[in-house]
Amino acid sequence: MASGIFHLRREQKELGLKTLAGNFKFRASAIWVWFG
């Protein structure tokens, strides 16, 4: 049970990191277009 919760949290953490990376790329490209 505990290992299942840990696995779920790890997946959520990875998903959050991917979302952060996606937002960063989106903002970087938006800034690039804005100043470009």
N, C-alpha and C. Protein backbone atom coordinates (compact mmCIF):
# COMPACT_ATOMS: atom_id res chain seq x y z
N MET A 1 0.84 -1.20 0.00
CA MET A 1 0.00 0.00 0.00
C MET A 1 0.87 1.25 0.00
N ALA A 2 1.83 1.28 0.92
CA ALA A 2 2.70 2.46 1.01
C ALA A 2 3.52 2.62 -0.27
N SER A 3 3.97 1.49 -0.84
CA SER A 3 4.77 1.55 -2.05
C SER A 3 3.92 2.07 -3.21
N GLY A 4 2.63 1.72 -3.20
CA GLY A 4 1.73 2.21 -4.25
C GLY A 4 1.57 3.71 -4.17
N ILE A 5 1.42 4.23 -2.95
CA ILE A 5 1.28 5.68 -2.75
C ILE A 5 2.57 6.37 -3.17
N PHE A 6 3.70 5.77 -2.82
CA PHE A 6 4.99 6.36 -3.18
C PHE A 6 5.14 6.41 -4.70
N HIS A 7 4.72 5.33 -5.37
CA HIS A 7 4.81 5.27 -6.83
C HIS A 7 3.92 6.34 -7.45
N LEU A 8 2.73 6.51 -6.89
CA LEU A 8 1.80 7.51 -7.41
C LEU A 8 2.38 8.91 -7.25
N ARG A 9 2.96 9.16 -6.08
CA ARG A 9 3.56 10.48 -5.83
C ARG A 9 4.73 10.72 -6.78
N ARG A 10 5.50 9.66 -7.06
CA ARG A 10 6.64 9.81 -7.96
C ARG A 10 6.15 10.15 -9.37
N GLU A 11 5.05 9.52 -9.78
CA GLU A 11 4.49 9.81 -11.10
C GLU A 11 3.99 11.25 -11.16
N GLN A 12 3.33 11.69 -10.09
CA GLN A 12 2.83 13.06 -10.04
C GLN A 12 3.99 14.04 -10.08
N LYS A 13 5.09 13.69 -9.42
CA LYS A 13 6.26 14.57 -9.39
C LYS A 13 6.86 14.68 -10.79
N GLU A 14 6.96 13.55 -11.49
CA GLU A 14 7.51 13.56 -12.84
C GLU A 14 6.60 14.35 -13.78
N LEU A 15 5.29 14.17 -13.60
CA LEU A 15 4.33 14.90 -14.43
C LEU A 15 4.45 16.39 -14.17
N GLY A 16 4.62 16.77 -12.89
CA GLY A 16 4.77 18.17 -12.54
C GLY A 16 6.03 18.76 -13.15
N LEU A 17 7.12 17.99 -13.15
CA LEU A 17 8.37 18.47 -13.73
C LEU A 17 8.21 18.65 -15.23
N LYS A 18 7.50 17.72 -15.87
CA LYS A 18 7.27 17.83 -17.32
C LYS A 18 6.43 19.07 -17.61
N THR A 19 5.43 19.32 -16.76
CA THR A 19 4.58 20.50 -16.95
C THR A 19 5.39 21.77 -16.78
N LEU A 20 6.27 21.78 -15.76
CA LEU A 20 7.14 22.94 -15.54
C LEU A 20 8.03 23.18 -16.74
N ALA A 21 8.61 22.11 -17.26
CA ALA A 21 9.49 22.21 -18.43
C ALA A 21 8.69 22.72 -19.63
N GLY A 22 7.47 22.23 -19.79
CA GLY A 22 6.63 22.67 -20.90
C GLY A 22 6.29 24.14 -20.78
N ASN A 23 5.94 24.59 -19.57
CA ASN A 23 5.63 26.00 -19.35
C ASN A 23 6.86 26.86 -19.61
N PHE A 24 8.03 26.39 -19.19
CA PHE A 24 9.26 27.14 -19.39
C PHE A 24 9.56 27.29 -20.87
N LYS A 25 9.41 26.20 -21.62
CA LYS A 25 9.66 26.24 -23.07
C LYS A 25 8.67 27.19 -23.73
N PHE A 26 7.40 27.14 -23.30
CA PHE A 26 6.38 28.00 -23.87
C PHE A 26 6.69 29.47 -23.60
N ARG A 27 7.07 29.77 -22.36
CA ARG A 27 7.40 31.16 -22.01
C ARG A 27 8.65 31.62 -22.74
N ALA A 28 9.64 30.74 -22.84
CA ALA A 28 10.89 31.09 -23.52
C ALA A 28 10.61 31.40 -24.99
N SER A 29 9.79 30.58 -25.64
CA SER A 29 9.48 30.80 -27.05
C SER A 29 8.64 32.07 -27.21
N ALA A 30 7.73 32.32 -26.26
CA ALA A 30 6.90 33.52 -26.33
C ALA A 30 7.76 34.77 -26.18
N ILE A 31 8.71 34.73 -25.24
CA ILE A 31 9.63 35.86 -25.04
C ILE A 31 10.50 36.04 -26.28
N TRP A 32 10.95 34.92 -26.85
CA TRP A 32 11.79 34.96 -28.05
C TRP A 32 11.04 35.64 -29.20
N VAL A 33 9.77 35.27 -29.38
CA VAL A 33 8.95 35.87 -30.44
C VAL A 33 8.69 37.34 -30.13
N TRP A 34 8.41 37.65 -28.85
CA TRP A 34 8.09 39.01 -28.46
C TRP A 34 9.26 39.96 -28.74
N PHE A 35 10.48 39.52 -28.34
CA PHE A 35 11.65 40.37 -28.55
C PHE A 35 12.24 40.21 -29.95
N GLY A 36 11.85 39.14 -30.62
CA GLY A 36 12.38 38.90 -31.96
C GLY A 36 11.57 39.70 -32.96
